[in-house]
């Protein structure tokens, strides 16, 4: 048995994290430009939600398939 199997949800998690990575890049550009704080805060919220959802999906997948 593989100790670190690839589960069905892993591609979805990777997609979410790549989306968050794109948002982070946008935020850096927005801060360097500079852009209004509200726009930066909205992007930060999007990154936070994407990471939180990836974490939630990973934990649920682990509970269902590894425990």
N, C-alpha and C. Protein backbone atom coordinates (compact mmCIF):
# COMPACT_ATOMS: atom_id res chain seq x y z
N UNK A 1 0.84 -1.18 0.00
CA UNK A 1 0.00 0.00 0.00
C UNK A 1 0.88 1.25 0.00
N UNK A 2 0.58 2.19 -0.85
CA UNK A 2 1.33 3.44 -0.95
C UNK A 2 0.99 4.35 0.22
N UNK A 3 1.99 4.86 0.91
CA UNK A 3 1.76 5.71 2.07
C UNK A 3 1.20 7.07 1.67
N UNK A 4 1.45 7.51 0.45
CA UNK A 4 0.98 8.82 -0.02
C UNK A 4 0.25 8.67 -1.35
N UNK A 5 -0.92 8.06 -1.33
CA UNK A 5 -1.64 7.86 -2.59
C UNK A 5 -2.17 9.17 -3.16
N UNK A 6 -2.33 9.19 -4.47
CA UNK A 6 -2.96 10.34 -5.12
C UNK A 6 -4.45 10.09 -5.12
N UNK A 7 -5.18 10.96 -4.50
CA UNK A 7 -6.62 10.81 -4.40
C UNK A 7 -7.32 11.58 -5.52
N UNK A 8 -8.56 11.29 -5.71
CA UNK A 8 -9.36 11.90 -6.76
C UNK A 8 -9.41 13.42 -6.62
N UNK A 9 -9.36 13.93 -5.40
CA UNK A 9 -9.48 15.37 -5.19
C UNK A 9 -8.19 16.14 -5.45
N UNK A 10 -7.08 15.46 -5.58
CA UNK A 10 -5.79 16.17 -5.72
C UNK A 10 -5.73 17.10 -6.92
N UNK A 11 -6.22 16.72 -8.10
CA UNK A 11 -6.20 17.68 -9.22
C UNK A 11 -7.00 18.96 -8.91
N UNK A 12 -8.12 18.80 -8.22
CA UNK A 12 -8.93 19.97 -7.84
C UNK A 12 -8.15 20.86 -6.87
N UNK A 13 -7.47 20.25 -5.94
CA UNK A 13 -6.67 21.00 -4.97
C UNK A 13 -5.56 21.76 -5.69
N UNK A 14 -4.90 21.11 -6.63
CA UNK A 14 -3.84 21.77 -7.39
C UNK A 14 -4.41 22.96 -8.16
N UNK A 15 -5.58 22.79 -8.77
CA UNK A 15 -6.22 23.90 -9.49
C UNK A 15 -6.47 25.08 -8.56
N UNK A 16 -7.00 24.80 -7.38
CA UNK A 16 -7.29 25.88 -6.42
C UNK A 16 -6.01 26.59 -6.00
N UNK A 17 -4.97 25.83 -5.75
CA UNK A 17 -3.71 26.44 -5.31
C UNK A 17 -3.05 27.23 -6.44
N UNK A 18 -3.17 26.76 -7.66
CA UNK A 18 -2.65 27.53 -8.80
C UNK A 18 -3.42 28.83 -8.98
N UNK A 19 -4.72 28.77 -8.75
CA UNK A 19 -5.53 29.99 -8.81
C UNK A 19 -5.09 30.97 -7.73
N UNK A 20 -4.85 30.47 -6.53
CA UNK A 20 -4.37 31.31 -5.44
C UNK A 20 -3.01 31.91 -5.79
N UNK A 21 -2.17 31.11 -6.41
CA UNK A 21 -0.84 31.58 -6.83
C UNK A 21 -0.99 32.75 -7.82
N UNK A 22 -1.92 32.64 -8.75
CA UNK A 22 -2.20 33.72 -9.69
C UNK A 22 -2.70 34.97 -8.99
N UNK A 23 -3.57 34.79 -8.01
CA UNK A 23 -4.07 35.93 -7.24
C UNK A 23 -2.93 36.60 -6.48
N UNK A 24 -2.02 35.80 -5.93
CA UNK A 24 -0.88 36.38 -5.21
C UNK A 24 -0.01 37.20 -6.14
N UNK A 25 0.23 36.69 -7.32
CA UNK A 25 1.01 37.47 -8.31
C UNK A 25 0.31 38.78 -8.63
N UNK A 26 -0.99 38.72 -8.81
CA UNK A 26 -1.77 39.94 -9.10
C UNK A 26 -1.67 40.93 -7.95
N UNK A 27 -1.72 40.40 -6.73
CA UNK A 27 -1.65 41.28 -5.56
C UNK A 27 -0.30 41.99 -5.50
N UNK A 28 0.77 41.28 -5.77
CA UNK A 28 2.10 41.90 -5.77
C UNK A 28 2.15 43.02 -6.80
N UNK A 29 1.65 42.75 -8.01
CA UNK A 29 1.61 43.78 -9.04
C UNK A 29 0.74 44.96 -8.62
N UNK A 30 -0.38 44.67 -7.98
CA UNK A 30 -1.29 45.73 -7.55
C UNK A 30 -0.63 46.62 -6.49
N UNK A 31 0.13 46.03 -5.60
CA UNK A 31 0.78 46.81 -4.56
C UNK A 31 1.93 47.62 -5.15
N UNK A 32 2.65 47.06 -6.10
CA UNK A 32 3.76 47.77 -6.71
C UNK A 32 3.29 48.87 -7.65
N UNK A 33 2.06 48.81 -8.14
CA UNK A 33 1.57 49.76 -9.15
C UNK A 33 1.39 51.19 -8.66
N UNK A 34 0.89 51.61 -7.60
CA UNK A 34 0.01 51.05 -6.59
C UNK A 34 -1.46 51.12 -7.00
N UNK A 35 -2.24 50.22 -6.44
CA UNK A 35 -3.68 50.17 -6.68
C UNK A 35 -4.40 50.46 -5.37
N UNK A 36 -5.69 50.78 -5.46
CA UNK A 36 -6.44 51.06 -4.24
C UNK A 36 -6.43 49.88 -3.26
N UNK A 37 -6.36 50.22 -1.98
CA UNK A 37 -6.30 49.20 -0.93
C UNK A 37 -7.50 48.26 -0.99
N UNK A 38 -8.67 48.77 -1.34
CA UNK A 38 -9.86 47.92 -1.41
C UNK A 38 -9.67 46.81 -2.44
N UNK A 39 -9.10 47.14 -3.60
CA UNK A 39 -8.86 46.12 -4.62
C UNK A 39 -7.87 45.07 -4.13
N UNK A 40 -6.81 45.51 -3.44
CA UNK A 40 -5.82 44.58 -2.90
C UNK A 40 -6.48 43.69 -1.85
N UNK A 41 -7.31 44.28 -1.00
CA UNK A 41 -7.99 43.51 0.05
C UNK A 41 -8.92 42.47 -0.56
N UNK A 42 -9.59 42.82 -1.65
CA UNK A 42 -10.47 41.86 -2.32
C UNK A 42 -9.67 40.68 -2.87
N UNK A 43 -8.52 40.95 -3.45
CA UNK A 43 -7.66 39.87 -3.95
C UNK A 43 -7.15 39.01 -2.80
N UNK A 44 -6.78 39.66 -1.71
CA UNK A 44 -6.31 38.93 -0.53
C UNK A 44 -7.39 37.99 -0.02
N UNK A 45 -8.62 38.47 -0.01
CA UNK A 45 -9.74 37.64 0.42
C UNK A 45 -9.90 36.43 -0.52
N UNK A 46 -9.75 36.65 -1.81
CA UNK A 46 -9.86 35.56 -2.77
C UNK A 46 -8.78 34.51 -2.54
N UNK A 47 -7.56 34.95 -2.26
CA UNK A 47 -6.46 34.02 -1.99
C UNK A 47 -6.75 33.22 -0.72
N UNK A 48 -7.20 33.90 0.30
CA UNK A 48 -7.51 33.24 1.57
C UNK A 48 -8.59 32.18 1.38
N UNK A 49 -9.62 32.50 0.64
CA UNK A 49 -10.70 31.54 0.40
C UNK A 49 -10.23 30.35 -0.44
N UNK A 50 -9.41 30.61 -1.44
CA UNK A 50 -8.92 29.52 -2.29
C UNK A 50 -8.07 28.55 -1.47
N UNK A 51 -7.21 29.08 -0.62
CA UNK A 51 -6.37 28.23 0.21
C UNK A 51 -7.21 27.48 1.24
N UNK A 52 -8.16 28.17 1.85
CA UNK A 52 -9.03 27.52 2.84
C UNK A 52 -9.82 26.39 2.21
N UNK A 53 -10.31 26.61 1.00
CA UNK A 53 -11.09 25.56 0.32
C UNK A 53 -10.20 24.38 -0.05
N UNK A 54 -8.97 24.66 -0.48
CA UNK A 54 -8.04 23.58 -0.80
C UNK A 54 -7.75 22.76 0.46
N UNK A 55 -7.55 23.43 1.57
CA UNK A 55 -7.29 22.74 2.84
C UNK A 55 -8.49 21.88 3.24
N UNK A 56 -9.67 22.45 3.14
CA UNK A 56 -10.90 21.73 3.51
C UNK A 56 -11.06 20.47 2.64
N UNK A 57 -10.84 20.61 1.35
CA UNK A 57 -10.96 19.48 0.44
C UNK A 57 -9.94 18.40 0.78
N UNK A 58 -8.71 18.80 1.04
CA UNK A 58 -7.66 17.85 1.38
C UNK A 58 -7.98 17.10 2.67
N UNK A 59 -8.44 17.80 3.67
CA UNK A 59 -8.77 17.16 4.96
C UNK A 59 -9.93 16.19 4.80
N UNK A 60 -10.98 16.61 4.09
CA UNK A 60 -12.13 15.72 3.88
C UNK A 60 -11.72 14.48 3.10
N UNK A 61 -10.88 14.69 2.08
CA UNK A 61 -10.41 13.56 1.29
C UNK A 61 -9.58 12.61 2.16
N UNK A 62 -8.76 13.14 3.01
CA UNK A 62 -7.95 12.31 3.89
C UNK A 62 -8.84 11.50 4.85
N UNK A 63 -9.82 12.15 5.42
CA UNK A 63 -10.74 11.47 6.34
C UNK A 63 -11.47 10.33 5.63
N UNK A 64 -11.95 10.60 4.43
CA UNK A 64 -12.72 9.61 3.69
C UNK A 64 -11.88 8.45 3.16
N UNK A 65 -10.62 8.72 2.80
CA UNK A 65 -9.84 7.71 2.11
C UNK A 65 -8.66 7.16 2.87
N UNK A 66 -8.21 7.83 3.91
CA UNK A 66 -7.00 7.39 4.58
C UNK A 66 -7.20 6.97 6.02
N UNK A 67 -8.32 7.32 6.60
CA UNK A 67 -8.54 6.95 8.00
C UNK A 67 -9.45 5.76 8.09
